[in-house]
Amino acid sequence: MKQIALDIGLAPGPTLHNFFSGPNLDALQHLQLWVGNDKRSPVPTYVWGESGSGKTHLLRAVQAALRDQGHAAGWLDATVAEPLAFENAWRVVIMDDVQRYTAVQQQAAFNWFVNAITPTDGQQRWVLASGSVPPSDLSLREDLRTRLGWGHIFQLQVLSETERRAVLRQQADDRGVFLSDEVMDFMLHRFSRDLSSLIQLLDQLDGYALQTQRAITIPLIKAMLEAM
């Protein structure tokens, strides 16, 4: 069954608080400790897992947490055709979906990594990266691949359908919203497996249901999507 693309432009952005860890608690706690510690370890961190496991959510959450603390971060993913030069103002360099990097992006990533770990101004930065496979299996230039595998490595697991269903049910109950089994099945089978996206969908549905004074049903979901 084809998944529906979800417009989450009006929904809250990813945070460490709204990441539902499930089997990924170790990775979440590692990032929470790092973000909350002024004396941050310079040892790089790499998280990997299949689509829907929450990699980009965690990286964006760290970026947002640092921004709230007044710190700048360099961000690179496969959509950035012309990567920026390394900036000393950055406290961290964040590299998402590295397995998709072009030769140009790999060169920029390597440059960022080296400048972050061995800076000219004496201020070490942190490197946080993600990929779909462990570093040893990445088809990247060797000097970048080995550096990505140097520090902390966490494998992220996609939450099971039972876990996602339980979280959605609890979230709906917390909002005073009733989700029928039919609606729950529709949400789980037609939208992204990423739980944060499903929670954002629930937030949108709750607001749309209040606005239209209707219960949350499959026709309501379809009407909301058509109105976007």
C-alpha atoms as a PDB file:
ATOM      1  CA  MET A   1       0.000   0.000   0.000  1.00  0.00           C
ATOM      2  CA  LYS A   2       1.414   3.394  -1.013  1.00  0.00           C
ATOM      3  CA  GLN A   3       2.381   5.664   1.861  1.00  0.00           C
ATOM      4  CA  ILE A   4       1.014   9.191   1.885  1.00  0.00           C
ATOM      5  CA  ALA A   5       3.475  12.065   2.117  1.00  0.00           C
ATOM      6  CA  LEU A   6       2.810  14.084   5.245  1.00  0.00           C
ATOM      7  CA  ASP A   7       3.013  17.861   5.313  1.00  0.00           C
ATOM      8  CA  ILE A   8       4.250  18.685   8.807  1.00  0.00           C
ATOM      9  CA  GLY A   9       5.104  22.304   8.196  1.00  0.00           C
ATOM     10  CA  LEU A  10       2.832  23.567  10.973  1.00  0.00           C
ATOM     11  CA  ALA A  11       3.734  20.831  13.443  1.00  0.00           C
ATOM     12  CA  PRO A  12       6.310  21.184  16.230  1.00  0.00           C
ATOM     13  CA  GLY A  13       9.817  20.356  15.142  1.00  0.00           C
ATOM     14  CA  PRO A  14      11.842  17.374  16.342  1.00  0.00           C
ATOM     15  CA  THR A  15      13.131  17.540  19.920  1.00  0.00           C
ATOM     16  CA  LEU A  16      14.832  15.061  22.199  1.00  0.00           C
ATOM     17  CA  HIS A  17      11.764  15.298  24.415  1.00  0.00           C
ATOM     18  CA  ASN A  18       9.317  14.173  21.705  1.00  0.00           C
ATOM     19  CA  PHE A  19      11.512  11.303  20.498  1.00  0.00           C
ATOM     20  CA  PHE A  20       9.901   8.038  21.597  1.00  0.00           C
ATOM     21  CA  SER A  21      12.892   5.867  22.288  1.00  0.00           C
ATOM     22  CA  GLY A  22      11.523   2.344  22.663  1.00  0.00           C
ATOM     23  CA  PRO A  23      14.557   0.099  22.013  1.00  0.00           C
ATOM     24  CA  ASN A  24      16.703   3.194  21.258  1.00  0.00           C
ATOM     25  CA  LEU A  25      16.988   4.492  24.807  1.00  0.00           C
ATOM     26  CA  ASP A  26      20.792   4.214  24.954  1.00  0.00           C
ATOM     27  CA  ALA A  27      21.212   6.487  21.932  1.00  0.00           C
ATOM     28  CA  LEU A  28      18.698   9.001  23.259  1.00  0.00           C
ATOM     29  CA  GLN A  29      20.306   9.156  26.703  1.00  0.00           C
ATOM     30  CA  HIS A  30      23.748   9.576  25.136  1.00  0.00           C
ATOM     31  CA  LEU A  31      22.577  12.605  23.158  1.00  0.00           C
ATOM     32  CA  GLN A  32      20.665  14.056  26.116  1.00  0.00           C
ATOM     33  CA  LEU A  33      23.771  13.851  28.287  1.00  0.00           C
ATOM     34  CA  TRP A  34      25.916  15.436  25.610  1.00  0.00           C
ATOM     35  CA  VAL A  35      23.513  18.305  24.898  1.00  0.00           C
ATOM     36  CA  GLY A  36      23.022  18.994  28.599  1.00  0.00           C
ATOM     37  CA  ASN A  37      26.726  19.037  29.496  1.00  0.00           C
ATOM     38  CA  ASP A  38      28.784  22.216  29.091  1.00  0.00           C
ATOM     39  CA  LYS A  39      31.987  20.136  29.058  1.00  0.00           C
ATOM     40  CA  ARG A  40      31.048  18.094  26.020  1.00  0.00           C
ATOM     41  CA  SER A  41      33.196  15.167  24.932  1.00  0.00           C
ATOM     42  CA  PRO A  42      34.795  15.696  21.506  1.00  0.00           C
ATOM     43  CA  VAL A  43      34.478  11.978  20.665  1.00  0.00           C
ATOM     44  CA  PRO A  44      32.251  11.710  17.563  1.00  0.00           C
ATOM     45  CA  THR A  45      28.943   9.863  17.518  1.00  0.00           C
ATOM     46  CA  TYR A  46      27.416   7.903  14.652  1.00  0.00           C
ATOM     47  CA  VAL A  47      23.852   6.542  14.629  1.00  0.00           C
ATOM     48  CA  TRP A  48      22.594   4.158  11.987  1.00  0.00           C
ATOM     49  CA  GLY A  49      19.443   2.278  11.097  1.00  0.00           C
ATOM     50  CA  GLU A  50      16.836   1.793   8.429  1.00  0.00           C
ATOM     51  CA  SER A  51      14.381   4.438   7.254  1.00  0.00           C
ATOM     52  CA  GLY A  52      11.873   5.323   9.960  1.00  0.00           C
ATOM     53  CA  SER A  53      14.182   4.538  12.867  1.00  0.00           C
ATOM     54  CA  GLY A  54      14.465   8.208  13.865  1.00  0.00           C
ATOM     55  CA  LYS A  55      17.973   9.169  12.716  1.00  0.00           C
ATOM     56  CA  THR A  56      17.087  12.546  11.227  1.00  0.00           C
ATOM     57  CA  HIS A  57      14.758  13.301  14.129  1.00  0.00           C
ATOM     58  CA  LEU A  58      17.611  12.886  16.607  1.00  0.00           C
ATOM     59  CA  LEU A  59      20.052  14.945  14.550  1.00  0.00           C
ATOM     60  CA  ARG A  60      17.562  17.767  14.064  1.00  0.00           C
ATOM     61  CA  ALA A  61      16.694  17.593  17.772  1.00  0.00           C
ATOM     62  CA  VAL A  62      20.338  18.061  18.741  1.00  0.00           C
ATOM     63  CA  GLN A  63      20.627  20.970  16.312  1.00  0.00           C
ATOM     64  CA  ALA A  64      17.519  22.585  17.832  1.00  0.00           C
ATOM     65  CA  ALA A  65      18.725  22.035  21.412  1.00  0.00           C
ATOM     66  CA  LEU A  66      22.060  23.682  20.656  1.00  0.00           C
ATOM     67  CA  ARG A  67      20.339  26.546  18.872  1.00  0.00           C
ATOM     68  CA  ASP A  68      18.198  27.124  21.985  1.00  0.00           C
ATOM     69  CA  GLN A  69      21.451  27.360  23.958  1.00  0.00           C
ATOM     70  CA  GLY A  70      22.765  29.975  21.548  1.00  0.00           C
ATOM     71  CA  HIS A  71      25.188  27.673  19.716  1.00  0.00           C
ATOM     72  CA  ALA A  72      25.582  27.373  15.962  1.00  0.00           C
ATOM     73  CA  ALA A  73      25.845  24.032  14.172  1.00  0.00           C
ATOM     74  CA  GLY A  74      26.934  23.040  10.694  1.00  0.00           C
ATOM     75  CA  TRP A  75      24.391  20.828   8.899  1.00  0.00           C
ATOM     76  CA  LEU A  76      25.010  18.660   5.846  1.00  0.00           C
ATOM     77  CA  ASP A  77      22.741  16.197   4.110  1.00  0.00           C
ATOM     78  CA  ALA A  78      22.420  14.846   0.583  1.00  0.00           C
ATOM     79  CA  THR A  79      20.148  17.730  -0.502  1.00  0.00           C
ATOM     80  CA  VAL A  80      22.915  20.315   0.078  1.00  0.00           C
ATOM     81  CA  ALA A  81      24.457  20.541  -3.382  1.00  0.00           C
ATOM     82  CA  GLU A  82      27.069  23.144  -2.394  1.00  0.00           C
ATOM     83  CA  PRO A  83      28.250  22.539   1.183  1.00  0.00           C
ATOM     84  CA  LEU A  84      29.490  25.510   3.164  1.00  0.00           C
ATOM     85  CA  ALA A  85      33.089  25.882   4.182  1.00  0.00           C
ATOM     86  CA  PHE A  86      33.782  24.988   7.807  1.00  0.00           C
ATOM     87  CA  GLU A  87      33.017  27.830  10.210  1.00  0.00           C
ATOM     88  CA  ASN A  88      34.761  28.317  13.548  1.00  0.00           C
ATOM     89  CA  ALA A  89      31.495  29.583  15.031  1.00  0.00           C
ATOM     90  CA  TRP A  90      30.041  26.063  14.891  1.00  0.00           C
ATOM     91  CA  ARG A  91      29.971  24.053  18.121  1.00  0.00           C
ATOM     92  CA  VAL A  92      29.074  20.834  16.317  1.00  0.00           C
ATOM     93  CA  VAL A  93      29.003  19.504  12.778  1.00  0.00           C
ATOM     94  CA  ILE A  94      26.010  17.321  11.935  1.00  0.00           C
ATOM     95  CA  MET A  95      25.986  15.066   8.891  1.00  0.00           C
ATOM     96  CA  ASP A  96      22.801  13.186   7.994  1.00  0.00           C
ATOM     97  CA  ASP A  97      22.369  10.204   5.651  1.00  0.00           C
ATOM     98  CA  VAL A  98      26.059  10.070   4.809  1.00  0.00           C
ATOM     99  CA  GLN A  99      25.586   6.979   2.625  1.00  0.00           C
ATOM    100  CA  ARG A 100      23.990   9.249   0.011  1.00  0.00           C
ATOM    101  CA  TYR A 101      26.824  11.779  -0.201  1.00  0.00           C
ATOM    102  CA  THR A 102      28.324  12.718  -3.550  1.00  0.00           C
ATOM    103  CA  ALA A 103      32.085  13.093  -4.004  1.00  0.00           C
ATOM    104  CA  VAL A 104      31.735  16.847  -3.367  1.00  0.00           C
ATOM    105  CA  GLN A 105      29.753  16.256  -0.187  1.00  0.00           C
ATOM    106  CA  GLN A 106      32.232  13.627   1.007  1.00  0.00           C
ATOM    107  CA  GLN A 107      35.083  16.093   0.561  1.00  0.00           C
ATOM    108  CA  ALA A 108      33.174  18.700   2.578  1.00  0.00           C
ATOM    109  CA  ALA A 109      32.299  16.136   5.274  1.00  0.00           C
ATOM    110  CA  PHE A 110      35.936  15.094   5.591  1.00  0.00           C
ATOM    111  CA  ASN A 111      37.016  18.730   5.830  1.00  0.00           C
ATOM    112  CA  TRP A 112      34.390  19.436   8.482  1.00  0.00           C
ATOM    113  CA  PHE A 113      35.420  16.371  10.472  1.00  0.00           C
ATOM    114  CA  VAL A 114      39.116  17.257  10.467  1.00  0.00           C
ATOM    115  CA  ASN A 115      38.476  20.902  11.366  1.00  0.00           C
ATOM    116  CA  ALA A 116      36.098  19.907  14.158  1.00  0.00           C
ATOM    117  CA  ILE A 117      38.418  17.393  15.786  1.00  0.00           C
ATOM    118  CA  THR A 118      41.718  19.232  15.192  1.00  0.00           C
ATOM    119  CA  PRO A 119      40.736  22.913  15.082  1.00  0.00           C
ATOM    120  CA  THR A 120      43.143  25.766  14.492  1.00  0.00           C
ATOM    121  CA  ASP A 121      41.579  27.839  17.288  1.00  0.00           C
ATOM    122  CA  GLY A 122      42.056  25.171  19.988  1.00  0.00           C
ATOM    123  CA  GLN A 123      38.302  24.683  20.492  1.00  0.00           C
ATOM    124  CA  GLN A 124      37.278  21.096  19.738  1.00  0.00           C
ATOM    125  CA  ARG A 125      33.835  20.541  18.282  1.00  0.00           C
ATOM    126  CA  TRP A 126      31.606  17.509  18.280  1.00  0.00           C
ATOM    127  CA  VAL A 127      30.786  15.427  15.213  1.00  0.00           C
ATOM    128  CA  LEU A 128      27.359  13.801  14.986  1.00  0.00           C
ATOM    129  CA  ALA A 129      26.521  11.744  11.905  1.00  0.00           C
ATOM    130  CA  SER A 130      23.980   9.227  10.685  1.00  0.00           C
ATOM    131  CA  GLY A 131      23.717   6.597   7.992  1.00  0.00           C
ATOM    132  CA  SER A 132      21.647   3.624   6.933  1.00  0.00           C
ATOM    133  CA  VAL A 133      24.418   1.109   7.648  1.00  0.00           C
ATOM    134  CA  PRO A 134      27.310   0.806  10.120  1.00  0.00           C
ATOM    135  CA  PRO A 135      30.473   2.754   9.221  1.00  0.00           C
ATOM    136  CA  SER A 136      32.299  -0.384   8.110  1.00  0.00           C
ATOM    137  CA  ASP A 137      29.679  -0.937   5.377  1.00  0.00           C
ATOM    138  CA  LEU A 138      29.582   2.614   4.015  1.00  0.00           C
ATOM    139  CA  SER A 139      30.599   3.072   0.381  1.00  0.00           C
ATOM    140  CA  LEU A 140      32.485   6.284   1.062  1.00  0.00           C
ATOM    141  CA  ARG A 141      36.068   7.449   0.669  1.00  0.00           C
ATOM    142  CA  GLU A 142      38.195   5.516   3.139  1.00  0.00           C
ATOM    143  CA  ASP A 143      39.482   8.463   5.164  1.00  0.00           C
ATOM    144  CA  LEU A 144      35.926   9.630   5.863  1.00  0.00           C
ATOM    145  CA  ARG A 145      34.507   6.160   6.469  1.00  0.00           C
ATOM    146  CA  THR A 146      37.138   5.259   9.070  1.00  0.00           C
ATOM    147  CA  ARG A 147      36.698   8.539  10.907  1.00  0.00           C
ATOM    148  CA  LEU A 148      32.929   8.059  11.122  1.00  0.00           C
ATOM    149  CA  GLY A 149      33.560   4.716  12.802  1.00  0.00           C
ATOM    150  CA  TRP A 150      36.061   6.066  15.326  1.00  0.00           C
ATOM    151  CA  GLY A 151      33.771   7.055  18.227  1.00  0.00           C
ATOM    152  CA  HIS A 152      30.419   6.111  19.731  1.00  0.00           C
ATOM    153  CA  ILE A 153      28.190   4.028  17.446  1.00  0.00           C
ATOM    154  CA  PHE A 154      24.495   3.319  18.057  1.00  0.00           C
ATOM    155  CA  GLN A 155      22.153   1.215  15.970  1.00  0.00           C
ATOM    156  CA  LEU A 156      18.588   2.530  15.921  1.00  0.00           C
ATOM    157  CA  GLN A 157      15.643   0.161  15.623  1.00  0.00           C
ATOM    158  CA  VAL A 158      12.281   0.969  14.054  1.00  0.00           C
ATOM    159  CA  LEU A 159       9.538   0.674  16.645  1.00  0.00           C
ATOM    160  CA  SER A 160       7.310  -2.320  16.117  1.00  0.00           C
ATOM    161  CA  GLU A 161       3.722  -1.754  15.042  1.00  0.00           C
ATOM    162  CA  THR A 162       2.581  -2.828  18.496  1.00  0.00           C
ATOM    163  CA  GLU A 163       4.856  -0.221  20.098  1.00  0.00           C
ATOM    164  CA  ARG A 164       3.735   2.508  17.702  1.00  0.00           C
ATOM    165  CA  ARG A 165       0.092   1.597  18.270  1.00  0.00           C
ATOM    166  CA  ALA A 166       0.517   1.753  22.050  1.00  0.00           C
ATOM    167  CA  VAL A 167       2.224   5.161  21.890  1.00  0.00           C
ATOM    168  CA  LEU A 168      -0.427   6.567  19.546  1.00  0.00           C
ATOM    169  CA  ARG A 169      -3.180   5.284  21.822  1.00  0.00           C
ATOM    170  CA  GLN A 170      -1.561   6.892  24.863  1.00  0.00           C
ATOM    171  CA  GLN A 171      -0.989  10.164  23.009  1.00  0.00           C
ATOM    172  CA  ALA A 172      -4.608  10.220  21.871  1.00  0.00           C
ATOM    173  CA  ASP A 173      -5.834   9.507  25.393  1.00  0.00           C
ATOM    174  CA  ASP A 174      -3.658  12.347  26.742  1.00  0.00           C
ATOM    175  CA  ARG A 175      -5.353  14.708  24.279  1.00  0.00           C
ATOM    176  CA  GLY A 176      -8.841  13.421  25.064  1.00  0.00           C
ATOM    177  CA  VAL A 177      -9.116  12.097  21.496  1.00  0.00           C
ATOM    178  CA  PHE A 178     -10.733   8.808  20.532  1.00  0.00           C
ATOM    179  CA  LEU A 179      -9.033   6.807  17.787  1.00  0.00           C
ATOM    180  CA  SER A 180     -10.983   3.826  16.525  1.00  0.00           C
ATOM    181  CA  ASP A 181      -9.127   0.685  15.502  1.00  0.00           C
ATOM    182  CA  GLU A 182     -10.040   1.509  11.885  1.00  0.00           C
ATOM    183  CA  VAL A 183      -8.465   4.974  12.118  1.00  0.00           C
ATOM    184  CA  MET A 184      -5.419   3.578  13.884  1.00  0.00           C
ATOM    185  CA  ASP A 185      -4.924   0.982  11.156  1.00  0.00           C
ATOM    186  CA  PHE A 186      -5.234   3.685   8.477  1.00  0.00           C
ATOM    187  CA  MET A 187      -2.642   5.898  10.163  1.00  0.00           C
ATOM    188  CA  LEU A 188      -0.166   3.081  10.722  1.00  0.00           C
ATOM    189  CA  HIS A 189      -0.427   1.604   7.251  1.00  0.00           C
ATOM    190  CA  ARG A 190      -0.746   4.717   5.103  1.00  0.00           C
ATOM    191  CA  PHE A 191       1.762   7.097   6.671  1.00  0.00           C
ATOM    192  CA  SER A 192       5.433   7.131   7.583  1.00  0.00           C
ATOM    193  CA  ARG A 193       6.628   4.550  10.106  1.00  0.00           C
ATOM    194  CA  ASP A 194       8.508   7.333  11.862  1.00  0.00           C
ATOM    195  CA  LEU A 195       6.677   7.792  15.141  1.00  0.00           C
ATOM    196  CA  SER A 196       7.387  11.500  15.443  1.00  0.00           C
ATOM    197  CA  SER A 197       5.619  12.046  12.106  1.00  0.00           C
ATOM    198  CA  LEU A 198       2.653  10.008  13.307  1.00  0.00           C
ATOM    199  CA  ILE A 199       2.441  12.089  16.490  1.00  0.00           C
ATOM    200  CA  GLN A 200       2.593  15.271  14.431  1.00  0.00           C
ATOM    201  CA  LEU A 201      -0.205  13.878  12.264  1.00  0.00           C
ATOM    202  CA  LEU A 202      -2.226  13.241  15.419  1.00  0.00           C
ATOM    203  CA  ASP A 203      -1.655  16.856  16.504  1.00  0.00           C
ATOM    204  CA  GLN A 204      -2.898  18.081  13.127  1.00  0.00           C
ATOM    205  CA  LEU A 205      -5.909  15.786  13.236  1.00  0.00           C
ATOM    206  CA  ASP A 206      -6.795  16.953  16.733  1.00  0.00           C
ATOM    207  CA  GLY A 207      -6.678  20.594  15.643  1.00  0.00           C
ATOM    208  CA  TYR A 208      -8.604  19.948  12.437  1.00  0.00           C
ATOM    209  CA  ALA A 209     -11.266  17.948  14.279  1.00  0.00           C
ATOM    210  CA  LEU A 210     -11.745  20.796  16.758  1.00  0.00           C
ATOM    211  CA  GLN A 211     -11.891  23.342  13.948  1.00  0.00           C
ATOM    212  CA  THR A 212     -14.509  21.378  11.989  1.00  0.00           C
ATOM    213  CA  GLN A 213     -16.338  20.043  15.052  1.00  0.00           C
ATOM    214  CA  ARG A 214     -16.055  16.483  13.773  1.00  0.00           C
ATOM    215  CA  ALA A 215     -14.783  13.220  15.205  1.00  0.00           C
ATOM    216  CA  ILE A 216     -11.539  11.794  13.868  1.00  0.00           C
ATOM    217  CA  THR A 217     -12.473   9.358  11.136  1.00  0.00           C
ATOM    218  CA  ILE A 218     -10.866   8.211   7.897  1.00  0.00           C
ATOM    219  CA  PRO A 219     -13.033  10.666   5.870  1.00  0.00           C
ATOM    220  CA  LEU A 220     -11.819  13.458   8.194  1.00  0.00           C
ATOM    221  CA  ILE A 221      -8.203  12.502   7.586  1.00  0.00           C
ATOM    222  CA  LYS A 222      -8.752  12.545   3.830  1.00  0.00           C
ATOM    223  CA  ALA A 223     -10.547  15.891   4.044  1.00  0.00           C
ATOM    224  CA  MET A 224      -7.681  17.395   6.051  1.00  0.00           C
ATOM    225  CA  LEU A 225      -5.124  16.196   3.507  1.00  0.00           C
ATOM    226  CA  GLU A 226      -7.158  17.679   0.658  1.00  0.00           C
ATOM    227  CA  ALA A 227      -7.365  21.003   2.523  1.00  0.00           C
ATOM    228  CA  MET A 228      -3.571  21.249   2.957  1.00  0.00           C
END
